[in-house]
Protein backbone atom coordinates (compact mmCIF):
# COMPACT_ATOMS: atom_id res chain seq x y z
CA UNK A 1 -10.08 0.08 15.66
CA UNK A 2 -12.91 -1.95 17.21
CA UNK A 3 -10.52 -4.27 19.09
CA UNK A 4 -12.16 -7.12 17.22
CA UNK A 5 -9.01 -8.55 15.66
CA UNK A 6 -7.33 -11.69 16.98
CA UNK A 7 -3.96 -9.93 17.15
CA UNK A 8 -2.09 -6.95 15.69
CA UNK A 9 -0.42 -9.16 13.09
CA UNK A 10 -3.54 -11.21 12.28
CA UNK A 11 -3.99 -9.64 8.84
CA UNK A 12 -0.55 -10.73 7.66
CA UNK A 13 -0.92 -14.23 9.11
CA UNK A 14 -4.32 -14.66 7.44
CA UNK A 15 -2.90 -13.61 4.06
CA UNK A 16 -0.03 -16.09 4.52
CA UNK A 17 -2.51 -18.82 5.50
CA UNK A 18 -4.80 -18.26 2.51
CA UNK A 19 -1.84 -18.03 0.14
CA UNK A 20 -0.49 -21.36 1.39
CA UNK A 21 -3.91 -22.89 0.74
CA UNK A 22 -3.82 -21.38 -2.76
CA UNK A 23 -0.35 -22.78 -3.42
CA UNK A 24 -1.54 -26.21 -2.31
CA UNK A 25 -4.58 -26.23 -4.61
CA UNK A 26 -3.36 -24.10 -7.54
CA UNK A 27 0.40 -24.60 -7.50
CA UNK A 28 3.02 -22.00 -8.38
CA UNK A 29 5.15 -20.97 -11.34
CA UNK A 30 8.67 -22.37 -11.46
CA UNK A 31 9.80 -19.03 -12.87
CA UNK A 32 9.08 -17.38 -9.53
CA UNK A 33 11.99 -19.15 -7.80
CA UNK A 34 13.76 -15.81 -6.97
CA UNK A 35 11.02 -15.20 -4.40
CA UNK A 36 11.78 -18.54 -2.77
CA UNK A 37 15.42 -17.40 -2.58
CA UNK A 38 14.16 -14.10 -1.13
CA UNK A 39 12.43 -15.99 1.70
CA UNK A 40 15.58 -18.01 2.35
CA UNK A 41 17.67 -14.82 2.58
CA UNK A 42 15.47 -13.64 5.47
CA UNK A 43 16.57 -16.55 7.69
CA UNK A 44 20.23 -15.57 8.49
CA UNK A 45 19.05 -12.40 10.26
CA UNK A 46 17.17 -14.56 12.78
CA UNK A 47 20.39 -16.31 13.82
CA UNK A 48 22.22 -12.97 14.00
CA UNK A 49 19.41 -11.57 16.16
CA UNK A 50 19.80 -14.47 18.60
CA UNK A 51 23.22 -13.05 19.50
CA UNK A 52 22.56 -9.31 19.18
CA UNK A 53 19.12 -8.71 20.75
CA UNK A 54 19.23 -7.44 24.34
CA UNK A 55 18.49 -9.81 27.22
CA UNK A 56 15.15 -8.11 28.01
CA UNK A 57 13.83 -8.34 24.45
CA UNK A 58 11.16 -10.95 23.71
CA UNK A 59 12.87 -12.89 20.93
CA UNK A 60 9.79 -14.51 19.36
CA UNK A 61 7.52 -11.43 19.27
CA UNK A 62 10.27 -9.11 18.06
CA UNK A 63 11.25 -11.44 15.20
CA UNK A 64 7.60 -12.03 14.25
CA UNK A 65 6.91 -8.28 14.22
CA UNK A 66 9.61 -7.41 11.68
CA UNK A 67 9.50 -10.56 9.53
CA UNK A 68 5.74 -11.15 9.22
CA UNK A 69 5.48 -8.43 6.56
CA UNK A 70 8.40 -9.64 4.40
CA UNK A 71 7.20 -13.26 4.68
CA UNK A 72 3.67 -12.15 3.70
CA UNK A 73 5.15 -10.44 0.64
CA UNK A 74 7.21 -13.51 -0.33
CA UNK A 75 4.21 -15.83 -0.02
CA UNK A 76 1.98 -13.47 -2.04
CA UNK A 77 4.63 -13.14 -4.75
CA UNK A 78 5.10 -16.90 -5.03
CA UNK A 79 1.37 -17.49 -5.42
CA UNK A 80 0.67 -14.59 -7.82
CA UNK A 81 3.75 -14.84 -10.03
CA UNK A 82 2.61 -15.26 -13.66
CA UNK A 83 -0.79 -16.51 -12.46
CA UNK A 84 -3.34 -16.11 -15.26
CA UNK A 85 -6.39 -14.08 -14.32
CA UNK A 86 -8.86 -12.10 -16.39
CA UNK A 87 -9.29 -8.34 -16.29
CA UNK A 88 -12.79 -8.92 -14.85
CA UNK A 89 -11.35 -11.04 -12.02
CA UNK A 90 -8.90 -8.27 -11.08
CA UNK A 91 -11.74 -5.72 -11.18
CA UNK A 92 -13.83 -7.95 -8.92
CA UNK A 93 -10.87 -8.41 -6.57
CA UNK A 94 -10.41 -4.65 -6.27
CA UNK A 95 -14.12 -4.30 -5.52
CA UNK A 96 -13.86 -6.87 -2.72
CA UNK A 97 -10.84 -4.97 -1.35
CA UNK A 98 -12.58 -1.59 -1.29
CA UNK A 99 -15.82 -2.74 0.38
CA UNK A 100 -14.29 -3.12 3.88
CA UNK A 101 -12.42 0.17 3.33
CA UNK A 102 -15.79 1.84 2.73
CA UNK A 103 -17.04 0.23 5.95
CA UNK A 104 -13.95 1.55 7.76
CA UNK A 105 -14.63 5.05 6.42
CA UNK A 106 -18.23 4.94 7.67
CA UNK A 107 -17.02 3.74 11.08
CA UNK A 108 -14.55 6.66 11.30
CA UNK A 109 -17.36 9.13 10.53
CA UNK A 110 -19.36 7.70 13.44
CA UNK A 111 -16.31 7.54 15.70
CA UNK A 112 -15.35 11.15 15.02
CA UNK A 113 -18.22 13.11 13.46
CA UNK A 114 -16.69 16.53 14.27
CA UNK A 115 -13.05 17.00 13.29
CA UNK A 116 -12.73 20.52 14.74
CA UNK A 117 -13.47 19.38 18.31
CA UNK A 118 -10.44 17.09 18.58
CA UNK A 119 -7.74 19.19 16.89
CA UNK A 120 -4.97 20.74 18.96
CA UNK A 121 -2.11 20.87 16.46
CA UNK A 122 -0.89 19.78 13.03
CA UNK A 123 0.54 16.39 14.01
CA UNK A 124 -0.93 13.02 13.00
CA UNK A 125 -4.22 12.61 14.83
CA UNK A 126 -5.29 9.26 16.31
CA UNK A 127 -8.84 10.39 17.08
CA UNK A 128 -9.64 11.54 13.54
CA UNK A 129 -8.22 8.18 12.41
CA UNK A 130 -10.87 6.17 14.22
CA UNK A 131 -8.78 5.58 17.35
CA UNK A 132 -5.95 3.79 15.57
CA UNK A 133 -2.52 4.70 14.18
CA UNK A 134 -2.91 7.57 11.72
CA UNK A 135 -0.12 6.25 9.51
CA UNK A 136 -1.76 2.86 8.98
CA UNK A 137 -5.26 4.32 8.59
CA UNK A 138 -4.00 6.88 6.08
CA UNK A 139 -2.33 4.06 4.12
CA UNK A 140 -5.47 1.94 3.88
CA UNK A 141 -7.69 4.93 3.05
CA UNK A 142 -5.17 5.87 0.35
CA UNK A 143 -5.59 2.38 -1.10
CA UNK A 144 -9.35 2.95 -1.06
CA UNK A 145 -8.89 6.23 -2.93
CA UNK A 146 -6.90 4.44 -5.62
CA UNK A 147 -9.46 1.67 -6.06
CA UNK A 148 -12.38 4.10 -6.25
CA UNK A 149 -10.47 6.16 -8.82
CA UNK A 150 -9.89 2.98 -10.86
CA UNK A 151 -13.60 2.16 -10.71
CA UNK A 152 -14.44 5.71 -11.76
CA UNK A 153 -12.28 5.37 -14.87
CA UNK A 154 -13.06 1.75 -15.79
CA UNK A 155 -16.34 0.69 -14.17
CA UNK A 156 -18.65 3.71 -14.41
CA UNK A 157 -20.65 3.37 -17.65
CA UNK A 158 -23.58 5.49 -16.42
CA UNK A 159 -23.83 8.99 -14.93
CA UNK A 160 -25.35 7.54 -11.76
CA UNK A 161 -22.38 5.24 -11.19
CA UNK A 162 -19.95 8.08 -11.87
CA UNK A 163 -21.67 10.26 -9.25
CA UNK A 164 -21.78 7.39 -6.73
CA UNK A 165 -18.09 6.58 -7.18
CA UNK A 166 -17.11 10.26 -6.93
CA UNK A 167 -19.08 10.63 -3.67
CA UNK A 168 -17.48 7.52 -2.15
CA UNK A 169 -14.03 8.63 -3.35
CA UNK A 170 -14.53 12.08 -1.81
CA UNK A 171 -15.69 10.63 1.53
CA UNK A 172 -12.64 8.32 1.74
CA UNK A 173 -10.34 11.17 0.68
CA UNK A 174 -11.74 13.54 3.31
CA UNK A 175 -11.20 11.04 6.13
CA UNK A 176 -7.73 10.27 4.76
CA UNK A 177 -6.72 13.94 4.65
CA UNK A 178 -7.89 14.71 8.20
CA UNK A 179 -5.82 11.88 9.68
CA UNK A 180 -3.02 14.46 9.19
CA UNK A 181 -0.79 11.62 8.01
CA UNK A 182 0.57 12.71 4.65
CA UNK A 183 2.19 9.47 3.50
CA UNK A 184 -0.98 7.58 2.62
CA UNK A 185 -2.47 10.53 0.72
CA UNK A 186 0.66 11.21 -1.33
CA UNK A 187 0.92 7.49 -2.08
CA UNK A 188 -2.69 7.51 -3.32
CA UNK A 189 -2.02 10.41 -5.70
CA UNK A 190 1.15 8.76 -7.06
CA UNK A 191 -0.65 5.45 -7.53
CA UNK A 192 -3.65 7.02 -9.28
CA UNK A 193 -1.39 8.97 -11.65
CA UNK A 194 0.61 5.80 -12.43
CA UNK A 195 -2.61 4.00 -13.37
CA UNK A 196 -4.23 6.80 -15.38
CA UNK A 197 -1.10 7.58 -17.42
CA UNK A 198 -0.60 3.95 -18.45
CA UNK A 199 -4.32 3.30 -18.96
CA UNK A 200 -4.63 6.40 -21.18
CA UNK A 201 -1.82 5.14 -23.41
CA UNK A 202 -3.52 1.79 -24.01
CA UNK A 203 -7.12 2.66 -24.84
CA UNK A 204 -8.90 3.83 -27.99
CA UNK A 205 -9.28 7.47 -29.02
CA UNK A 206 -12.94 7.51 -27.94
CA UNK A 207 -11.99 6.16 -24.52
CA UNK A 208 -9.16 8.72 -24.23
CA UNK A 209 -11.65 11.57 -24.64
CA UNK A 210 -13.78 10.01 -21.90
CA UNK A 211 -10.73 9.73 -19.61
CA UNK A 212 -9.97 13.43 -20.11
CA UNK A 213 -13.53 14.39 -19.13
CA UNK A 214 -13.49 12.10 -16.09
CA UNK A 215 -10.07 13.49 -15.09
CA UNK A 216 -11.53 17.02 -15.03
CA UNK A 217 -14.41 15.80 -12.85
CA UNK A 218 -11.94 13.90 -10.67
CA UNK A 219 -9.70 16.97 -10.20
CA UNK A 220 -12.73 19.12 -9.30
CA UNK A 221 -13.85 16.56 -6.68
CA UNK A 222 -10.31 16.46 -5.24
CA UNK A 223 -10.14 20.26 -4.94
CA UNK A 224 -13.62 20.45 -3.40
CA UNK A 225 -12.67 17.78 -0.85
CA UNK A 226 -9.52 19.71 0.05
CA UNK A 227 -11.51 22.94 0.56
CA UNK A 228 -13.95 21.09 2.85
CA UNK A 229 -11.05 19.51 4.76
CA UNK A 230 -9.39 22.91 5.19
CA UNK A 231 -12.65 24.38 6.48
CA UNK A 232 -13.28 21.48 8.89
CA UNK A 233 -9.75 21.74 10.32
CA UNK A 234 -9.72 25.56 10.56
CA UNK A 235 -6.80 25.67 8.12
CA UNK A 236 -4.63 23.29 10.16
CA UNK A 237 -4.41 20.84 7.27
CA UNK A 238 -2.95 23.57 5.04
CA UNK A 239 -0.27 24.19 7.66
CA UNK A 240 0.40 20.45 7.92
CA UNK A 241 1.09 20.05 4.22
CA UNK A 242 3.14 23.26 4.24
CA UNK A 243 5.27 21.66 7.00
CA UNK A 244 4.28 24.24 9.62
CA UNK A 245 3.08 23.93 13.21
CA UNK A 246 -0.30 25.20 14.48
CA UNK A 247 1.17 28.68 14.95
CA UNK A 248 2.37 28.86 11.36
CA UNK A 249 6.06 28.37 12.14
CA UNK A 250 8.16 26.28 9.76
CA UNK A 251 9.16 22.88 11.12
CA UNK A 252 12.83 21.98 10.90
CA UNK A 253 12.32 18.37 9.80
CA UNK A 254 9.81 17.67 7.02
CA UNK A 255 10.21 13.91 7.64
CA UNK A 256 9.05 14.19 11.30
CA UNK A 257 12.06 12.23 12.55
CA UNK A 258 12.04 9.58 9.84
CA UNK A 259 15.21 11.01 8.26
CA UNK A 260 17.19 10.40 11.45
CA UNK A 261 15.89 6.84 11.67
CA UNK A 262 16.92 6.28 8.06
CA UNK A 263 20.46 7.55 8.77
CA UNK A 264 20.77 5.41 11.91
CA UNK A 265 19.80 2.29 9.99
CA UNK A 266 22.20 3.04 7.16
CA UNK A 267 24.97 3.41 9.75
CA UNK A 268 23.99 -0.05 11.03
CA UNK A 269 24.48 -1.42 7.52
CA UNK A 270 27.84 0.32 7.12
CA UNK A 271 28.99 -1.00 10.51
CA UNK A 272 27.82 -4.58 9.82
CA UNK A 273 27.73 -4.89 6.00
CA UNK A 274 27.90 -8.69 5.67
CA UNK A 275 25.28 -10.24 7.97
CA UNK A 276 23.67 -7.06 9.31
CA UNK A 277 22.69 -6.30 12.89
CA UNK A 278 19.92 -8.95 13.03
CA UNK A 279 16.13 -8.85 12.84
CA UNK A 280 14.51 -6.26 15.12
CA UNK A 281 17.89 -5.09 16.42
CA UNK A 282 17.35 -1.58 14.96
CA UNK A 283 14.30 -1.09 17.22
CA UNK A 284 16.09 -2.78 20.13
CA UNK A 285 19.03 -0.37 19.86
CA UNK A 286 16.74 2.65 20.05
CA UNK A 287 15.15 1.25 23.20
CA UNK A 288 18.62 0.95 24.77
CA UNK A 289 19.84 4.41 23.72
CA UNK A 290 16.63 6.49 23.90
CA UNK A 291 14.55 4.46 26.32
CA UNK A 292 11.47 4.37 24.07
CA UNK A 293 10.05 2.13 21.34
CA UNK A 294 10.63 3.82 17.98
CA UNK A 295 9.98 1.46 15.09
CA UNK A 296 11.31 1.97 11.59
CA UNK A 297 9.13 3.72 9.02
CA UNK A 298 11.33 2.70 6.09
CA UNK A 299 11.54 -0.92 5.01
CA UNK A 300 14.46 -0.25 2.64
CA UNK A 301 16.87 1.07 5.30
CA UNK A 302 15.66 -1.50 7.85
CA UNK A 303 16.29 -4.34 5.40
CA UNK A 304 19.82 -3.13 4.70
CA UNK A 305 20.62 -2.64 8.40
CA UNK A 306 19.20 -5.92 9.68
CA UNK A 307 20.14 -8.22 6.77
CA UNK A 308 23.42 -6.75 5.49
CA UNK A 309 24.46 -8.06 2.06
CA UNK A 310 21.50 -10.43 2.08
CA UNK A 311 19.37 -7.27 2.35
CA UNK A 312 20.98 -5.89 -0.80
CA UNK A 313 20.09 -9.10 -2.68
CA UNK A 314 16.55 -9.00 -1.25
CA UNK A 315 16.01 -5.45 -2.52
CA UNK A 316 17.45 -6.31 -5.94
CA UNK A 317 14.99 -9.22 -6.26
CA UNK A 318 12.02 -7.13 -5.14
CA UNK A 319 12.83 -4.16 -7.37
CA UNK A 320 13.94 -5.85 -10.59
CA UNK A 321 12.16 -9.21 -10.81
CA UNK A 322 8.74 -7.63 -11.52
CA UNK A 323 10.22 -5.76 -14.50
CA UNK A 324 11.60 -9.02 -15.86
CA UNK A 325 8.04 -10.38 -15.89
CA UNK A 326 6.78 -7.09 -17.29
CA UNK A 327 9.17 -7.28 -20.26
CA UNK A 328 7.40 -10.48 -21.40
CA UNK A 329 3.83 -9.43 -20.66
CA UNK A 330 2.74 -5.80 -20.83
CA UNK A 331 -1.01 -6.32 -20.58
CA UNK A 332 -1.49 -5.58 -16.87
CA UNK A 333 -2.94 -2.06 -16.67
CA UNK A 334 -2.32 -2.01 -12.94
CA UNK A 335 1.35 -3.06 -12.91
CA UNK A 336 2.95 0.33 -12.30
CA UNK A 337 0.18 1.44 -9.94
CA UNK A 338 0.50 -1.67 -7.76
CA UNK A 339 4.28 -1.43 -7.69
CA UNK A 340 4.11 2.31 -6.91
CA UNK A 341 1.75 1.65 -3.99
CA UNK A 342 4.08 -0.98 -2.55
CA UNK A 343 7.26 1.08 -2.90
CA UNK A 344 5.77 4.36 -1.65
CA UNK A 345 4.10 2.64 1.31
CA UNK A 346 7.20 0.79 2.54
CA UNK A 347 9.08 4.09 2.47
CA UNK A 348 6.71 5.91 4.83
CA UNK A 349 4.94 3.18 6.78
CA UNK A 350 7.26 0.18 6.46
CA UNK A 351 5.18 -3.04 6.44
CA UNK A 352 2.97 -2.48 9.48
CA UNK A 353 -0.05 -3.84 7.61
CA UNK A 354 -0.49 -6.58 5.01
CA UNK A 355 -1.65 -4.25 2.20
CA UNK A 356 1.71 -3.38 0.56
CA UNK A 357 2.84 -7.03 0.66
CA UNK A 358 -0.36 -8.32 -0.94
CA UNK A 359 -0.58 -5.51 -3.53
CA UNK A 360 3.02 -6.22 -4.56
CA UNK A 361 1.91 -9.77 -5.37
CA UNK A 362 -0.94 -8.44 -7.53
CA UNK A 363 1.62 -6.63 -9.73
CA UNK A 364 2.97 -10.07 -10.73
CA UNK A 365 -0.33 -11.38 -12.12
CA UNK A 366 -0.63 -12.34 -15.77
CA UNK A 367 -3.76 -10.40 -16.72
CA UNK A 368 -5.63 -11.53 -19.84
CA UNK A 369 -8.57 -9.91 -21.60
CA UNK A 370 -11.67 -11.75 -22.72
CA UNK A 371 -12.42 -11.55 -26.41
CA UNK A 372 -16.00 -10.86 -27.35
CA UNK A 373 -17.35 -13.84 -29.28
CA UNK A 374 -18.21 -13.18 -32.93
CA UNK A 375 -21.92 -13.39 -33.59
CA UNK A 376 -22.71 -14.38 -37.16
CA UNK A 377 -26.20 -13.79 -38.45
CA UNK A 378 -27.77 -16.98 -39.71
CA UNK A 379 -28.89 -16.79 -43.32
CA UNK A 380 -32.35 -18.22 -43.82
CA UNK A 381 -33.03 -20.19 -46.97
CA UNK A 382 -35.64 -18.73 -49.22
CA UNK A 383 -38.67 -20.88 -49.72
CA UNK A 384 -39.09 -22.09 -53.26
């Protein structure tokens, strides 16, 4: 947003760099070898791309663009797999993740203080997203909504903290809604529900009653934020989520073109089922046929199209390996929420940012809980 980043892909490269440092100092679990295989299965598509990409395509930048996300995921998974951390460490990590998201939200308020002045339709709005891609901004604000909801349920012992967390959650939610990008908001709701349902099933009866009360407060805050968003957008946001244009007419395609991209990429897989069409070739083909850059929004279909049968193996590893770990350790409250965020995000925003790759790795952590030390009262000897 501020043009202060080194490059568009800097976030993914920094995650990869830090993870490599972590692997060097902390090592990795031998049981995570499927993720090493996953990284190896990404390589054949590079050789295929060397023969399929058009002459005008920049080979290095195109390959880096589509593979930086998957490599970031593989590195994160290797480092996090079965890594022992405490519940407090995960809570602290989520706090460190949400702080820059809060800063981003404040920046967007300053960048676009009046939503009404910049609206002209019901499409995704770059201006209300702080001058950056609405899809990516919606995704990261959705992640912020999830983390603030988690803190509301687990780290709000006092009324003051509850109010503070609700206010921050509502501010992030408002800016997320008015990006007019639905994917990040729907992902946030799915992720929050996945966490609350599992968390509710694991806590004591007293804590369950508290969760019910907080859930009522949470739902009220969500509805109030929606009403404010509707008012600030003159009802455009209601039309957006009803899949209508600014005149109230129903739109033909609820996926805003993503369905066609999905079909095209599946056809690429069917046409080249063994080795695929090569990394970045899906985008390259659309440049040749339509004359414009249209990148994939769905990592699943892109993986199948560009990697062929290797893509099938890649998806099997990513989808089923976490549940293998889960079957042996069911203590991670966040497991389903993290996995839901990753899967929902790659199906509407592909892997444009590092967040889904890193959060997938967090689902593989071995979370432990500190036991409160027993305090025995010392018995004093009676004086004779």
